[in-house]
């Protein structure tokens, strides 16, 4: 169903997908490549949380519209 009033913003994965497609990667591999690019950050966060003994929490609060609840 088309939603003309909805504005979709592109993110870095959009441009990464273009590069991966141009490089000949199969579309089925895109999610794995995106995840592989984040593994270093995930590991760094996990190590920091282990070292400090506390979870990393956001330093800001969401102030946008309240999202619709999903049933």
N, C-alpha and C. Protein backbone atom coordinates (compact mmCIF):
# COMPACT_ATOMS: atom_id res chain seq x y z
N UNK A 1 0.85 -1.17 0.00
CA UNK A 1 0.00 0.00 0.00
C UNK A 1 0.90 1.24 0.00
N UNK A 2 0.68 2.10 -0.95
CA UNK A 2 1.48 3.32 -1.06
C UNK A 2 1.05 4.31 0.02
N UNK A 3 2.02 5.00 0.59
CA UNK A 3 1.76 6.01 1.61
C UNK A 3 2.44 7.30 1.17
N UNK A 4 1.78 8.10 0.30
CA UNK A 4 2.43 9.29 -0.25
C UNK A 4 2.80 10.34 0.80
N UNK A 5 2.10 10.37 1.94
CA UNK A 5 2.41 11.36 2.97
C UNK A 5 3.63 10.98 3.79
N UNK A 6 4.12 9.76 3.62
CA UNK A 6 5.26 9.27 4.40
C UNK A 6 6.57 9.62 3.71
N UNK A 7 7.47 10.24 4.45
CA UNK A 7 8.78 10.60 3.93
C UNK A 7 9.81 9.60 4.44
N UNK A 8 10.49 8.93 3.54
CA UNK A 8 11.50 7.96 3.94
C UNK A 8 12.87 8.56 3.67
N UNK A 9 13.68 8.64 4.72
CA UNK A 9 15.02 9.19 4.60
C UNK A 9 16.01 8.05 4.37
N UNK A 10 16.97 8.27 3.50
CA UNK A 10 17.99 7.25 3.28
C UNK A 10 19.02 7.31 4.40
N UNK A 11 19.64 6.17 4.66
CA UNK A 11 20.71 6.12 5.65
C UNK A 11 21.94 5.52 4.99
N UNK A 12 22.98 5.30 5.76
CA UNK A 12 24.24 4.81 5.20
C UNK A 12 24.08 3.44 4.55
N UNK A 13 23.15 2.63 5.02
CA UNK A 13 22.96 1.30 4.43
C UNK A 13 22.46 1.39 2.99
N UNK A 14 21.72 2.42 2.66
CA UNK A 14 21.25 2.60 1.29
C UNK A 14 22.45 2.73 0.35
N UNK A 15 23.38 3.60 0.72
CA UNK A 15 24.55 3.82 -0.13
C UNK A 15 25.50 2.63 -0.10
N UNK A 16 25.59 1.98 1.06
CA UNK A 16 26.41 0.77 1.14
C UNK A 16 25.85 -0.31 0.22
N UNK A 17 24.53 -0.44 0.18
CA UNK A 17 23.90 -1.43 -0.70
C UNK A 17 24.22 -1.14 -2.16
N UNK A 18 24.22 0.13 -2.53
CA UNK A 18 24.58 0.48 -3.91
C UNK A 18 26.00 0.04 -4.23
N UNK A 19 26.92 0.28 -3.29
CA UNK A 19 28.31 -0.13 -3.50
C UNK A 19 28.46 -1.64 -3.55
N UNK A 20 27.76 -2.34 -2.65
CA UNK A 20 27.84 -3.80 -2.64
C UNK A 20 27.29 -4.39 -3.93
N UNK A 21 26.19 -3.82 -4.41
CA UNK A 21 25.60 -4.30 -5.67
C UNK A 21 26.57 -4.05 -6.82
N UNK A 22 27.17 -2.87 -6.85
CA UNK A 22 28.13 -2.55 -7.92
C UNK A 22 29.36 -3.45 -7.85
N UNK A 23 29.72 -3.89 -6.63
CA UNK A 23 30.88 -4.76 -6.46
C UNK A 23 30.55 -6.23 -6.75
N UNK A 24 29.28 -6.51 -7.01
CA UNK A 24 28.89 -7.87 -7.38
C UNK A 24 28.48 -8.77 -6.23
N UNK A 25 28.28 -8.20 -5.03
CA UNK A 25 27.83 -9.01 -3.91
C UNK A 25 26.39 -9.45 -4.16
N UNK A 26 26.03 -10.68 -3.79
CA UNK A 26 24.62 -11.09 -3.90
C UNK A 26 23.78 -10.35 -2.86
N UNK A 27 22.55 -10.02 -3.21
CA UNK A 27 21.68 -9.27 -2.29
C UNK A 27 21.47 -10.02 -0.97
N UNK A 28 21.53 -11.35 -1.02
CA UNK A 28 21.34 -12.15 0.19
C UNK A 28 22.47 -11.91 1.20
N UNK A 29 23.60 -11.40 0.76
CA UNK A 29 24.75 -11.19 1.65
C UNK A 29 24.75 -9.80 2.29
N UNK A 30 23.89 -8.91 1.84
CA UNK A 30 23.92 -7.52 2.33
C UNK A 30 23.78 -7.43 3.85
N UNK A 31 22.80 -8.11 4.43
CA UNK A 31 22.59 -8.03 5.88
C UNK A 31 23.82 -8.51 6.64
N UNK A 32 24.44 -9.58 6.14
CA UNK A 32 25.65 -10.09 6.81
C UNK A 32 26.79 -9.08 6.72
N UNK A 33 26.93 -8.43 5.59
CA UNK A 33 28.00 -7.43 5.44
C UNK A 33 27.72 -6.24 6.35
N UNK A 34 26.46 -5.79 6.44
CA UNK A 34 26.12 -4.68 7.33
C UNK A 34 26.46 -5.05 8.78
N UNK A 35 26.09 -6.27 9.19
CA UNK A 35 26.36 -6.72 10.56
C UNK A 35 27.86 -6.82 10.81
N UNK A 36 28.60 -7.35 9.86
CA UNK A 36 30.05 -7.50 10.03
C UNK A 36 30.71 -6.14 10.25
N UNK A 37 30.19 -5.11 9.60
CA UNK A 37 30.74 -3.77 9.76
C UNK A 37 30.48 -3.18 11.14
N UNK A 38 29.51 -3.74 11.85
CA UNK A 38 29.17 -3.22 13.18
C UNK A 38 29.78 -4.04 14.32
N UNK A 39 30.30 -5.21 14.02
CA UNK A 39 30.79 -6.10 15.06
C UNK A 39 31.83 -5.43 15.96
N UNK A 40 32.76 -4.70 15.39
CA UNK A 40 33.79 -4.03 16.20
C UNK A 40 33.15 -3.09 17.22
N UNK A 41 32.16 -2.34 16.81
CA UNK A 41 31.47 -1.43 17.73
C UNK A 41 30.70 -2.18 18.81
N UNK A 42 30.03 -3.27 18.42
CA UNK A 42 29.30 -4.07 19.40
C UNK A 42 30.25 -4.64 20.45
N UNK A 43 31.40 -5.15 19.98
CA UNK A 43 32.38 -5.72 20.90
C UNK A 43 32.94 -4.64 21.82
N UNK A 44 33.22 -3.46 21.27
CA UNK A 44 33.74 -2.36 22.09
C UNK A 44 32.74 -1.96 23.17
N UNK A 45 31.46 -1.89 22.81
CA UNK A 45 30.43 -1.56 23.80
C UNK A 45 30.36 -2.63 24.88
N UNK A 46 30.39 -3.89 24.48
CA UNK A 46 30.31 -4.99 25.45
C UNK A 46 31.50 -4.95 26.40
N UNK A 47 32.69 -4.71 25.86
CA UNK A 47 33.89 -4.66 26.71
C UNK A 47 33.83 -3.47 27.68
N UNK A 48 33.34 -2.34 27.19
CA UNK A 48 33.22 -1.17 28.06
C UNK A 48 32.22 -1.43 29.18
N UNK A 49 31.11 -2.08 28.84
CA UNK A 49 30.11 -2.39 29.86
C UNK A 49 30.66 -3.38 30.88
N UNK A 50 31.44 -4.35 30.43
CA UNK A 50 32.06 -5.29 31.37
C UNK A 50 33.07 -4.59 32.26
N UNK A 51 33.85 -3.69 31.69
CA UNK A 51 34.90 -3.00 32.45
C UNK A 51 34.31 -2.06 33.51
N UNK A 52 33.21 -1.39 33.17
CA UNK A 52 32.62 -0.43 34.10
C UNK A 52 31.57 -1.06 35.02
N UNK A 53 31.10 -2.24 34.64
CA UNK A 53 30.08 -2.92 35.45
C UNK A 53 28.71 -2.30 35.34
N UNK A 54 28.48 -1.52 34.28
CA UNK A 54 27.15 -0.92 34.10
C UNK A 54 26.82 -0.86 32.61
N UNK A 55 25.53 -0.85 32.33
CA UNK A 55 25.08 -0.75 30.95
C UNK A 55 25.27 0.67 30.43
N UNK A 56 25.55 0.78 29.15
CA UNK A 56 25.65 2.10 28.52
C UNK A 56 24.22 2.60 28.29
N UNK A 57 23.93 3.76 28.77
CA UNK A 57 22.60 4.35 28.63
C UNK A 57 22.68 5.61 27.78
N UNK A 58 21.63 5.87 26.99
CA UNK A 58 21.62 7.10 26.20
C UNK A 58 21.66 8.33 27.11
N UNK A 59 22.30 9.39 26.65
CA UNK A 59 22.42 10.61 27.43
C UNK A 59 21.33 11.62 27.10
N UNK A 60 20.36 11.20 26.29
CA UNK A 60 19.30 12.12 25.90
C UNK A 60 17.96 11.40 25.97
N UNK A 61 16.91 12.18 25.86
CA UNK A 61 15.55 11.63 25.88
C UNK A 61 14.87 11.93 24.56
N UNK A 62 14.02 10.99 24.13
CA UNK A 62 13.25 11.17 22.91
C UNK A 62 12.16 12.21 23.17
N UNK A 63 12.06 13.20 22.28
CA UNK A 63 11.07 14.25 22.46
C UNK A 63 10.11 14.34 21.28
N UNK A 64 10.15 13.35 20.40
CA UNK A 64 9.29 13.35 19.22
C UNK A 64 7.88 12.89 19.55
N UNK A 65 7.07 12.72 18.51
CA UNK A 65 5.70 12.27 18.72
C UNK A 65 5.67 10.86 19.31
N UNK A 66 4.63 10.59 20.08
CA UNK A 66 4.48 9.26 20.67
C UNK A 66 4.14 8.28 19.55
N UNK A 67 4.92 7.20 19.40
CA UNK A 67 4.64 6.25 18.32
C UNK A 67 3.37 5.45 18.61
N UNK A 68 2.72 4.99 17.55
CA UNK A 68 1.54 4.14 17.70
C UNK A 68 1.97 2.82 18.32
N UNK A 69 1.16 2.32 19.24
CA UNK A 69 1.45 1.03 19.86
C UNK A 69 1.08 -0.09 18.90
N UNK A 70 1.93 -1.09 18.83
CA UNK A 70 1.67 -2.24 17.96
C UNK A 70 0.99 -3.31 18.79
N UNK A 71 -0.11 -3.82 18.27
CA UNK A 71 -0.88 -4.83 19.02
C UNK A 71 -0.22 -6.17 18.97
